[in-house]
PDB file of all heavy atoms in Angstrom:
ATOM      1  N   LYS A   1      29.877  69.219-123.232  1.00  0.00           N
ATOM      2  CA  LYS A   1      29.000  70.374-123.409  1.00  0.00           C
ATOM      3  C   LYS A   1      27.783  69.979-124.243  1.00  0.00           C
ATOM      4  O   LYS A   1      27.879  69.137-125.131  1.00  0.00           O
ATOM      5  CB  LYS A   1      29.765  71.510-124.083  1.00  0.00           C
ATOM      6  CG  LYS A   1      30.912  72.058-123.240  1.00  0.00           C
ATOM      7  CD  LYS A   1      31.664  73.155-123.974  1.00  0.00           C
ATOM      8  CE  LYS A   1      32.806  73.686-123.125  1.00  0.00           C
ATOM      9  NZ  LYS A   1      33.564  74.752-123.822  1.00  0.00           N
ATOM     10  N   VAL A   2      26.654  70.600-123.932  1.00  0.00           N
ATOM     11  CA  VAL A   2      25.431  70.302-124.670  1.00  0.00           C
ATOM     12  C   VAL A   2      24.649  71.595-124.863  1.00  0.00           C
ATOM     13  O   VAL A   2      24.530  72.415-123.943  1.00  0.00           O
ATOM     14  CB  VAL A   2      24.582  69.234-123.937  1.00  0.00           C
ATOM     15  CG1 VAL A   2      24.270  69.659-122.513  1.00  0.00           C
ATOM     16  CG2 VAL A   2      23.303  68.933-124.697  1.00  0.00           C
ATOM     17  N   LEU A   3      24.157  71.806-126.073  1.00  0.00           N
ATOM     18  CA  LEU A   3      23.402  73.015-126.395  1.00  0.00           C
ATOM     19  C   LEU A   3      21.917  72.771-126.138  1.00  0.00           C
ATOM     20  O   LEU A   3      21.343  71.792-126.636  1.00  0.00           O
ATOM     21  CB  LEU A   3      23.632  73.399-127.859  1.00  0.00           C
ATOM     22  CG  LEU A   3      23.091  74.761-128.307  1.00  0.00           C
ATOM     23  CD1 LEU A   3      23.735  75.892-127.500  1.00  0.00           C
ATOM     24  CD2 LEU A   3      23.326  74.959-129.797  1.00  0.00           C
ATOM     25  N   LEU A   4      21.309  73.679-125.369  1.00  0.00           N
ATOM     26  CA  LEU A   4      19.916  73.530-124.945  1.00  0.00           C
ATOM     27  C   LEU A   4      19.093  74.738-125.359  1.00  0.00           C
ATOM     28  O   LEU A   4      19.601  75.862-125.438  1.00  0.00           O
ATOM     29  CB  LEU A   4      19.825  73.390-123.423  1.00  0.00           C
ATOM     30  CG  LEU A   4      20.623  72.284-122.754  1.00  0.00           C
ATOM     31  CD1 LEU A   4      20.600  72.461-121.239  1.00  0.00           C
ATOM     32  CD2 LEU A   4      20.070  70.918-123.137  1.00  0.00           C
ATOM     33  N   LEU A   5      17.797  74.498-125.576  1.00  0.00           N
ATOM     34  CA  LEU A   5      16.826  75.563-125.786  1.00  0.00           C
ATOM     35  C   LEU A   5      15.762  75.426-124.718  1.00  0.00           C
ATOM     36  O   LEU A   5      15.183  74.350-124.548  1.00  0.00           O
ATOM     37  CB  LEU A   5      16.193  75.441-127.179  1.00  0.00           C
ATOM     38  CG  LEU A   5      15.095  76.453-127.519  1.00  0.00           C
ATOM     39  CD1 LEU A   5      15.685  77.865-127.603  1.00  0.00           C
ATOM     40  CD2 LEU A   5      14.417  76.084-128.842  1.00  0.00           C
ATOM     41  N   GLY A   6      15.494  76.485-123.977  1.00  0.00           N
ATOM     42  CA  GLY A   6      14.488  76.355-122.931  1.00  0.00           C
ATOM     43  C   GLY A   6      14.353  77.631-122.113  1.00  0.00           C
ATOM     44  O   GLY A   6      15.044  78.613-122.358  1.00  0.00           O
ATOM     45  N   VAL A   7      13.470  77.651-121.146  1.00  0.00           N
ATOM     46  CA  VAL A   7      12.566  76.550-120.815  1.00  0.00           C
ATOM     47  C   VAL A   7      11.370  76.615-121.767  1.00  0.00           C
ATOM     48  O   VAL A   7      10.890  77.692-122.096  1.00  0.00           O
ATOM     49  CB  VAL A   7      12.063  76.660-119.363  1.00  0.00           C
ATOM     50  CG1 VAL A   7      11.159  75.507-119.021  1.00  0.00           C
ATOM     51  CG2 VAL A   7      13.169  76.788-118.362  1.00  0.00           C
ATOM     52  N   LEU A   8      10.838  75.459-122.176  1.00  0.00           N
ATOM     53  CA  LEU A   8       9.756  75.410-123.153  1.00  0.00           C
ATOM     54  C   LEU A   8       8.472  74.873-122.520  1.00  0.00           C
ATOM     55  O   LEU A   8       8.505  74.043-121.622  1.00  0.00           O
ATOM     56  CB  LEU A   8      10.172  74.529-124.328  1.00  0.00           C
ATOM     57  CG  LEU A   8      11.470  74.933-125.043  1.00  0.00           C
ATOM     58  CD1 LEU A   8      11.801  73.921-126.135  1.00  0.00           C
ATOM     59  CD2 LEU A   8      11.384  76.338-125.614  1.00  0.00           C
ATOM     60  N   GLY A   9       7.343  75.335-123.039  1.00  0.00           N
ATOM     61  CA  GLY A   9       6.049  74.821-122.593  1.00  0.00           C
ATOM     62  C   GLY A   9       5.510  75.529-121.365  1.00  0.00           C
ATOM     63  O   GLY A   9       6.168  76.350-120.742  1.00  0.00           O
ATOM     64  N   ASN A  10       4.266  75.189-121.039  1.00  0.00           N
ATOM     65  CA  ASN A  10       3.561  75.882-119.952  1.00  0.00           C
ATOM     66  C   ASN A  10       3.644  75.182-118.599  1.00  0.00           C
ATOM     67  O   ASN A  10       3.538  75.806-117.554  1.00  0.00           O
ATOM     68  CB  ASN A  10       2.094  76.095-120.326  1.00  0.00           C
ATOM     69  CG  ASN A  10       1.362  74.786-120.617  1.00  0.00           C
ATOM     70  OD1 ASN A  10       1.969  73.716-120.694  1.00  0.00           O
ATOM     71  ND2 ASN A  10       0.051  74.857-120.789  1.00  0.00           N
ATOM     72  N   GLY A  11       3.795  73.875-118.565  1.00  0.00           N
ATOM     73  CA  GLY A  11       3.840  73.145-117.303  1.00  0.00           C
ATOM     74  C   GLY A  11       2.471  72.856-116.717  1.00  0.00           C
ATOM     75  O   GLY A  11       1.437  73.326-117.208  1.00  0.00           O
ATOM     76  N   PHE A  12       2.462  72.063-115.643  1.00  0.00           N
ATOM     77  CA  PHE A  12       1.220  71.697-114.962  1.00  0.00           C
ATOM     78  C   PHE A  12       0.782  72.801-114.000  1.00  0.00           C
ATOM     79  O   PHE A  12       1.625  73.452-113.366  1.00  0.00           O
ATOM     80  CB  PHE A  12       1.412  70.402-114.172  1.00  0.00           C
ATOM     81  CG  PHE A  12       1.475  69.158-115.019  1.00  0.00           C
ATOM     82  CD1 PHE A  12       2.687  68.557-115.297  1.00  0.00           C
ATOM     83  CD2 PHE A  12       0.312  68.582-115.520  1.00  0.00           C
ATOM     84  CE1 PHE A  12       2.761  67.407-116.066  1.00  0.00           C
ATOM     85  CE2 PHE A  12       0.366  67.429-116.296  1.00  0.00           C
ATOM     86  CZ  PHE A  12       1.599  66.841-116.569  1.00  0.00           C
ATOM     87  N   PRO A  13      -0.536  73.002-113.839  1.00  0.00           N
ATOM     88  CA  PRO A  13      -1.046  73.997-112.886  1.00  0.00           C
ATOM     89  C   PRO A  13      -1.021  73.421-111.470  1.00  0.00           C
ATOM     90  O   PRO A  13      -2.058  73.041-110.910  1.00  0.00           O
ATOM     91  CB  PRO A  13      -2.473  74.242-113.376  1.00  0.00           C
ATOM     92  CG  PRO A  13      -2.885  72.933-113.985  1.00  0.00           C
ATOM     93  CD  PRO A  13      -1.637  72.344-114.576  1.00  0.00           C
ATOM     94  N   VAL A  14       0.154  73.361-110.873  1.00  0.00           N
ATOM     95  CA  VAL A  14       0.342  72.692-109.582  1.00  0.00           C
ATOM     96  C   VAL A  14      -0.528  73.303-108.497  1.00  0.00           C
ATOM     97  O   VAL A  14      -1.017  72.604-107.604  1.00  0.00           O
ATOM     98  CB  VAL A  14       1.832  72.749-109.180  1.00  0.00           C
ATOM     99  CG1 VAL A  14       2.051  72.121-107.809  1.00  0.00           C
ATOM    100  CG2 VAL A  14       2.686  72.029-110.220  1.00  0.00           C
ATOM    101  N   ASN A  15      -0.764  74.611-108.551  1.00  0.00           N
ATOM    102  CA  ASN A  15      -1.563  75.274-107.513  1.00  0.00           C
ATOM    103  C   ASN A  15      -2.982  74.717-107.449  1.00  0.00           C
ATOM    104  O   ASN A  15      -3.625  74.774-106.390  1.00  0.00           O
ATOM    105  CB  ASN A  15      -1.610  76.781-107.761  1.00  0.00           C
ATOM    106  CG  ASN A  15      -2.247  77.145-109.102  1.00  0.00           C
ATOM    107  OD1 ASN A  15      -1.870  76.602-110.138  1.00  0.00           O
ATOM    108  ND2 ASN A  15      -3.191  78.063-109.092  1.00  0.00           N
ATOM    109  N   GLU A  16      -3.490  74.157-108.552  1.00  0.00           N
ATOM    110  CA  GLU A  16      -4.850  73.621-108.549  1.00  0.00           C
ATOM    111  C   GLU A  16      -4.954  72.315-107.773  1.00  0.00           C
ATOM    112  O   GLU A  16      -6.053  71.828-107.512  1.00  0.00           O
ATOM    113  CB  GLU A  16      -5.355  73.429-109.978  1.00  0.00           C
ATOM    114  CG  GLU A  16      -5.572  74.740-110.711  1.00  0.00           C
ATOM    115  CD  GLU A  16      -6.474  74.583-111.917  1.00  0.00           C
ATOM    116  OE1 GLU A  16      -7.311  73.652-111.934  1.00  0.00           O
ATOM    117  OE2 GLU A  16      -6.334  75.387-112.855  1.00  0.00           O
ATOM    118  N   ALA A  17      -3.813  71.733-107.407  1.00  0.00           N
ATOM    119  CA  ALA A  17      -3.817  70.502-106.619  1.00  0.00           C
ATOM    120  C   ALA A  17      -3.908  70.767-105.125  1.00  0.00           C
ATOM    121  O   ALA A  17      -4.092  69.828-104.335  1.00  0.00           O
ATOM    122  CB  ALA A  17      -2.561  69.693-106.918  1.00  0.00           C
ATOM    123  N   ASP A  18      -3.817  72.022-104.718  1.00  0.00           N
ATOM    124  CA  ASP A  18      -3.822  72.355-103.295  1.00  0.00           C
ATOM    125  C   ASP A  18      -5.080  71.846-102.605  1.00  0.00           C
ATOM    126  O   ASP A  18      -6.205  72.134-103.031  1.00  0.00           O
ATOM    127  CB  ASP A  18      -3.721  73.871-103.105  1.00  0.00           C
ATOM    128  CG  ASP A  18      -2.360  74.421-103.506  1.00  0.00           C
ATOM    129  OD1 ASP A  18      -1.440  73.615-103.721  1.00  0.00           O
ATOM    130  OD2 ASP A  18      -2.230  75.654-103.594  1.00  0.00           O
ATOM    131  N   GLY A  19      -4.887  71.072-101.548  1.00  0.00           N
ATOM    132  CA  GLY A  19      -6.003  70.592-100.741  1.00  0.00           C
ATOM    133  C   GLY A  19      -6.859  69.528-101.389  1.00  0.00           C
ATOM    134  O   GLY A  19      -7.925  69.184-100.875  1.00  0.00           O
ATOM    135  N   LYS A  20      -6.417  68.964-102.501  1.00  0.00           N
ATOM    136  CA  LYS A  20      -7.229  67.996-103.239  1.00  0.00           C
ATOM    137  C   LYS A  20      -6.567  66.620-103.281  1.00  0.00           C
ATOM    138  O   LYS A  20      -5.362  66.494-103.123  1.00  0.00           O
ATOM    139  CB  LYS A  20      -7.458  68.493-104.671  1.00  0.00           C
ATOM    140  CG  LYS A  20      -8.256  69.789-104.742  1.00  0.00           C
ATOM    141  CD  LYS A  20      -8.415  70.257-106.179  1.00  0.00           C
ATOM    142  CE  LYS A  20      -9.194  71.574-106.237  1.00  0.00           C
ATOM    143  NZ  LYS A  20      -9.304  72.078-107.622  1.00  0.00           N
ATOM    144  N   GLN A  21      -7.408  65.599-103.498  1.00  0.00           N
ATOM    145  CA  GLN A  21      -6.899  64.256-103.762  1.00  0.00           C
ATOM    146  C   GLN A  21      -6.477  64.206-105.226  1.00  0.00           C
ATOM    147  O   GLN A  21      -7.268  64.485-106.125  1.00  0.00           O
ATOM    148  CB  GLN A  21      -7.976  63.203-103.492  1.00  0.00           C
ATOM    149  CG  GLN A  21      -7.536  61.771-103.738  1.00  0.00           C
ATOM    150  CD  GLN A  21      -6.480  61.297-102.762  1.00  0.00           C
ATOM    151  OE1 GLN A  21      -6.572  61.572-101.568  1.00  0.00           O
ATOM    152  NE2 GLN A  21      -5.478  60.604-103.253  1.00  0.00           N
ATOM    153  N   VAL A  22      -5.225  63.863-105.462  1.00  0.00           N
ATOM    154  CA  VAL A  22      -4.651  63.961-106.797  1.00  0.00           C
ATOM    155  C   VAL A  22      -4.312  62.577-107.334  1.00  0.00           C
ATOM    156  O   VAL A  22      -3.705  61.764-106.635  1.00  0.00           O
ATOM    157  CB  VAL A  22      -3.361  64.821-106.777  1.00  0.00           C
ATOM    158  CG1 VAL A  22      -2.829  64.996-108.189  1.00  0.00           C
ATOM    159  CG2 VAL A  22      -3.625  66.164-106.114  1.00  0.00           C
ATOM    160  N   PHE A  23      -4.715  62.316-108.577  1.00  0.00           N
ATOM    161  CA  PHE A  23      -4.268  61.132-109.301  1.00  0.00           C
ATOM    162  C   PHE A  23      -3.288  61.602-110.381  1.00  0.00           C
ATOM    163  O   PHE A  23      -3.629  62.475-111.193  1.00  0.00           O
ATOM    164  CB  PHE A  23      -5.433  60.406-109.986  1.00  0.00           C
ATOM    165  CG  PHE A  23      -6.228  59.493-109.095  1.00  0.00           C
ATOM    166  CD1 PHE A  23      -6.066  59.485-107.716  1.00  0.00           C
ATOM    167  CD2 PHE A  23      -7.163  58.619-109.643  1.00  0.00           C
ATOM    168  CE1 PHE A  23      -6.810  58.640-106.902  1.00  0.00           C
ATOM    169  CE2 PHE A  23      -7.915  57.767-108.849  1.00  0.00           C
ATOM    170  CZ  PHE A  23      -7.739  57.789-107.468  1.00  0.00           C
ATOM    171  N   LEU A  24      -2.094  61.025-110.380  1.00  0.00           N
ATOM    172  CA  LEU A  24      -1.135  61.263-111.441  1.00  0.00           C
ATOM    173  C   LEU A  24      -1.021  60.006-112.290  1.00  0.00           C
ATOM    174  O   LEU A  24      -0.889  58.908-111.747  1.00  0.00           O
ATOM    175  CB  LEU A  24       0.240  61.619-110.864  1.00  0.00           C
ATOM    176  CG  LEU A  24       0.318  62.810-109.905  1.00  0.00           C
ATOM    177  CD1 LEU A  24       1.764  63.051-109.489  1.00  0.00           C
ATOM    178  CD2 LEU A  24      -0.277  64.070-110.524  1.00  0.00           C
ATOM    179  N   PHE A  25      -1.073  60.162-113.604  1.00  0.00           N
ATOM    180  CA  PHE A  25      -0.964  59.040-114.527  1.00  0.00           C
ATOM    181  C   PHE A  25       0.237  59.258-115.442  1.00  0.00           C
ATOM    182  O   PHE A  25       0.397  60.340-116.025  1.00  0.00           O
ATOM    183  CB  PHE A  25      -2.208  58.926-115.411  1.00  0.00           C
ATOM    184  CG  PHE A  25      -3.453  58.492-114.698  1.00  0.00           C
ATOM    185  CD1 PHE A  25      -4.306  59.417-114.127  1.00  0.00           C
ATOM    186  CD2 PHE A  25      -3.783  57.145-114.620  1.00  0.00           C
ATOM    187  CE1 PHE A  25      -5.464  59.020-113.482  1.00  0.00           C
ATOM    188  CE2 PHE A  25      -4.942  56.728-113.985  1.00  0.00           C
ATOM    189  CZ  PHE A  25      -5.786  57.661-113.407  1.00  0.00           C
ATOM    190  N   GLY A  26       1.057  58.219-115.588  1.00  0.00           N
ATOM    191  CA  GLY A  26       2.178  58.295-116.504  1.00  0.00           C
ATOM    192  C   GLY A  26       2.330  56.998-117.266  1.00  0.00           C
ATOM    193  O   GLY A  26       2.178  55.911-116.699  1.00  0.00           O
ATOM    194  N   GLY A  27       2.635  57.107-118.546  1.00  0.00           N
ATOM    195  CA  GLY A  27       2.839  55.922-119.362  1.00  0.00           C
ATOM    196  C   GLY A  27       4.124  56.020-120.152  1.00  0.00           C
ATOM    197  O   GLY A  27       4.367  57.040-120.815  1.00  0.00           O
ATOM    198  N   GLY A  28       4.977  54.990-120.061  1.00  0.00           N
ATOM    199  CA  GLY A  28       6.212  54.976-120.836  1.00  0.00           C
ATOM    200  C   GLY A  28       7.085  56.176-120.542  1.00  0.00           C
ATOM    201  O   GLY A  28       7.335  56.522-119.391  1.00  0.00           O
ATOM    202  N   ILE A  29       7.528  56.857-121.588  1.00  0.00           N
ATOM    203  CA  ILE A  29       8.419  57.997-121.416  1.00  0.00           C
ATOM    204  C   ILE A  29       7.653  59.229-120.933  1.00  0.00           C
ATOM    205  O   ILE A  29       8.250  60.302-120.709  1.00  0.00           O
ATOM    206  CB  ILE A  29       9.201  58.269-122.726  1.00  0.00           C
ATOM    207  CG1 ILE A  29      10.558  58.906-122.385  1.00  0.00           C
ATOM    208  CG2 ILE A  29       8.386  59.078-123.709  1.00  0.00           C
ATOM    209  CD1 ILE A  29      11.464  58.061-121.526  1.00  0.00           C
ATOM    210  N   GLY A  30       6.351  59.096-120.712  1.00  0.00           N
ATOM    211  CA  GLY A  30       5.564  60.147-120.063  1.00  0.00           C
ATOM    212  C   GLY A  30       5.676  60.091-118.550  1.00  0.00           C
ATOM    213  O   GLY A  30       5.142  60.960-117.852  1.00  0.00           O
ATOM    214  N   ILE A  31       6.382  59.105-118.028  1.00  0.00           N
ATOM    215  CA  ILE A  31       6.549  58.969-116.574  1.00  0.00           C
ATOM    216  C   ILE A  31       7.525  59.991-115.997  1.00  0.00           C
ATOM    217  O   ILE A  31       7.273  60.556-114.928  1.00  0.00           O
ATOM    218  CB  ILE A  31       6.968  57.526-116.226  1.00  0.00           C
ATOM    219  CG1 ILE A  31       5.801  56.568-116.503  1.00  0.00           C
ATOM    220  CG2 ILE A  31       7.423  57.418-114.766  1.00  0.00           C
ATOM    221  CD1 ILE A  31       6.187  55.096-116.416  1.00  0.00           C
ATOM    222  N   PRO A  32       8.680  60.280-116.627  1.00  0.00           N
ATOM    223  CA  PRO A  32       9.661  61.174-116.018  1.00  0.00           C
ATOM    224  C   PRO A  32       9.139  62.514-115.507  1.00  0.00           C
ATOM    225  O   PRO A  32       9.488  62.915-114.387  1.00  0.00           O
ATOM    226  CB  PRO A  32      10.703  61.343-117.133  1.00  0.00           C
ATOM    227  CG  PRO A  32      10.676  60.017-117.831  1.00  0.00           C
ATOM    228  CD  PRO A  32       9.217  59.635-117.855  1.00  0.00           C
ATOM    229  N   PRO A  33       8.294  63.252-116.245  1.00  0.00           N
ATOM    230  CA  PRO A  33       7.862  64.547-115.700  1.00  0.00           C
ATOM    231  C   PRO A  33       7.017  64.444-114.433  1.00  0.00           C
ATOM    232  O   PRO A  33       6.849  65.431-113.714  1.00  0.00           O
ATOM    233  CB  PRO A  33       7.061  65.175-116.848  1.00  0.00           C
ATOM    234  CG  PRO A  33       6.717  64.050-117.752  1.00  0.00           C
ATOM    235  CD  PRO A  33       7.818  63.056-117.628  1.00  0.00           C
ATOM    236  N   LEU A  34       6.495  63.243-114.143  1.00  0.00           N
ATOM    237  CA  LEU A  34       5.696  63.083-112.933  1.00  0.00           C
ATOM    238  C   LEU A  34       6.537  63.214-111.669  1.00  0.00           C
ATOM    239  O   LEU A  34       6.012  63.559-110.606  1.00  0.00           O
ATOM    240  CB  LEU A  34       4.997  61.718-112.925  1.00  0.00           C
ATOM    241  CG  LEU A  34       3.959  61.433-114.018  1.00  0.00           C
ATOM    242  CD1 LEU A  34       3.202  60.160-113.690  1.00  0.00           C
ATOM    243  CD2 LEU A  34       3.003  62.600-114.205  1.00  0.00           C
ATOM    244  N   LEU A  35       7.839  62.932-111.763  1.00  0.00           N
ATOM    245  CA  LEU A  35       8.672  63.004-110.565  1.00  0.00           C
ATOM    246  C   LEU A  35       8.755  64.436-110.046  1.00  0.00           C
ATOM    247  O   LEU A  35       8.506  64.698-108.855  1.00  0.00           O
ATOM    248  CB  LEU A  35      10.062  62.448-110.851  1.00  0.00           C
ATOM    249  CG  LEU A  35      11.017  62.427-109.649  1.00  0.00           C
ATOM    250  CD1 LEU A  35      10.433  61.637-108.490  1.00  0.00           C
ATOM    251  CD2 LEU A  35      12.378  61.851-110.052  1.00  0.00           C
ATOM    252  N   TYR A  36       9.080  65.374-110.907  1.00  0.00           N
ATOM    253  CA  TYR A  36       9.155  66.763-110.460  1.00  0.00           C
ATOM    254  C   TYR A  36       7.769  67.285-110.079  1.00  0.00           C
ATOM    255  O   TYR A  36       7.632  68.078-109.136  1.00  0.00           O
ATOM    256  CB  TYR A  36       9.779  67.624-111.559  1.00  0.00           C
ATOM    257  CG  TYR A  36      10.225  68.997-111.090  1.00  0.00           C
ATOM    258  CD1 TYR A  36      10.702  69.201-109.803  1.00  0.00           C
ATOM    259  CD2 TYR A  36      10.184  70.091-111.952  1.00  0.00           C
ATOM    260  CE1 TYR A  36      11.120  70.450-109.376  1.00  0.00           C
ATOM    261  CE2 TYR A  36      10.610  71.347-111.541  1.00  0.00           C
ATOM    262  CZ  TYR A  36      11.078  71.518-110.256  1.00  0.00           C
ATOM    263  OH  TYR A  36      11.497  72.762-109.841  1.00  0.00           O
ATOM    264  N   LEU A  37       6.748  66.827-110.781  1.00  0.00           N
ATOM    265  CA  LEU A  37       5.379  67.225-110.462  1.00  0.00           C
ATOM    266  C   LEU A  37       4.991  66.762-109.062  1.00  0.00           C
ATOM    267  O   LEU A  37       4.478  67.543-108.250  1.00  0.00           O
ATOM    268  CB  LEU A  37       4.410  66.651-111.500  1.00  0.00           C
ATOM    269  CG  LEU A  37       2.916  66.877-111.257  1.00  0.00           C
ATOM    270  CD1 LEU A  37       2.596  68.355-111.152  1.00  0.00           C
ATOM    271  CD2 LEU A  37       2.095  66.219-112.369  1.00  0.00           C
ATOM    272  N   ALA A  38       5.238  65.488-108.757  1.00  0.00           N
ATOM    273  CA  ALA A  38       4.894  64.950-107.442  1.00  0.00           C
ATOM    274  C   ALA A  38       5.694  65.627-106.331  1.00  0.00           C
ATOM    275  O   ALA A  38       5.171  65.903-105.244  1.00  0.00           O
ATOM    276  CB  ALA A  38       5.118  63.440-107.415  1.00  0.00           C
ATOM    277  N   LYS A  39       6.974  65.902-106.610  1.00  0.00           N
ATOM    278  CA  LYS A  39       7.807  66.598-105.621  1.00  0.00           C
ATOM    279  C   LYS A  39       7.304  68.017-105.377  1.00  0.00           C
ATOM    280  O   LYS A  39       7.347  68.523-104.253  1.00  0.00           O
ATOM    281  CB  LYS A  39       9.262  66.652-106.100  1.00  0.00           C
ATOM    282  CG  LYS A  39       9.985  65.320-106.057  1.00  0.00           C
ATOM    283  CD  LYS A  39      11.443  65.459-106.485  1.00  0.00           C
ATOM    284  CE  LYS A  39      12.253  66.221-105.442  1.00  0.00           C
ATOM    285  NZ  LYS A  39      13.704  66.189-105.773  1.00  0.00           N
ATOM    286  N   THR A  40       6.819  68.666-106.424  1.00  0.00           N
ATOM    287  CA  THR A  40       6.325  70.038-106.297  1.00  0.00           C
ATOM    288  C   THR A  40       5.003  70.082-105.533  1.00  0.00           C
ATOM    289  O   THR A  40       4.782  70.981-104.717  1.00  0.00           O
ATOM    290  CB  THR A  40       6.158  70.672-107.695  1.00  0.00           C
ATOM    291  OG1 THR A  40       7.397  70.599-108.402  1.00  0.00           O
ATOM    292  CG2 THR A  40       5.744  72.125-107.585  1.00  0.00           C
ATOM    293  N   ILE A  41       4.133  69.111-105.782  1.00  0.00           N
ATOM    294  CA  ILE A  41       2.876  69.036-105.025  1.00  0.00           C
ATOM    295  C   ILE A  41       3.178  68.797-103.548  1.00  0.00           C
ATOM    296  O   ILE A  41       2.555  69.383-102.651  1.00  0.00           O
ATOM    297  CB  ILE A  41       1.967  67.926-105.583  1.00  0.00           C
ATOM    298  CG1 ILE A  41       1.509  68.293-107.008  1.00  0.00           C
ATOM    299  CG2 ILE A  41       0.750  67.699-104.685  1.00  0.00           C
ATOM    300  CD1 ILE A  41       0.766  67.184-107.725  1.00  0.00           C
ATOM    301  N   ALA A  42       4.142  67.916-103.280  1.00  0.00           N
ATOM    302  CA  ALA A  42       4.686  67.697-101.927  1.00  0.00           C
ATOM    303  C   ALA A  42       3.628  67.337-100.889  1.00  0.00           C
ATOM    304  O   ALA A  42       3.678  67.810 -99.762  1.00  0.00           O
ATOM    305  CB  ALA A  42       5.485  68.933-101.485  1.00  0.00           C
TER     306      ALA A  42
END
């Protein structure tokens, strides 16, 4: 079992990527959130 607090923060404005060429940048432990972001942009 693990105790969690969430969901926290505002997140990326994914809708603003619609129809656009998108560059995603991730460095080190900043890479993990890009996976869900890229999947959401789809």
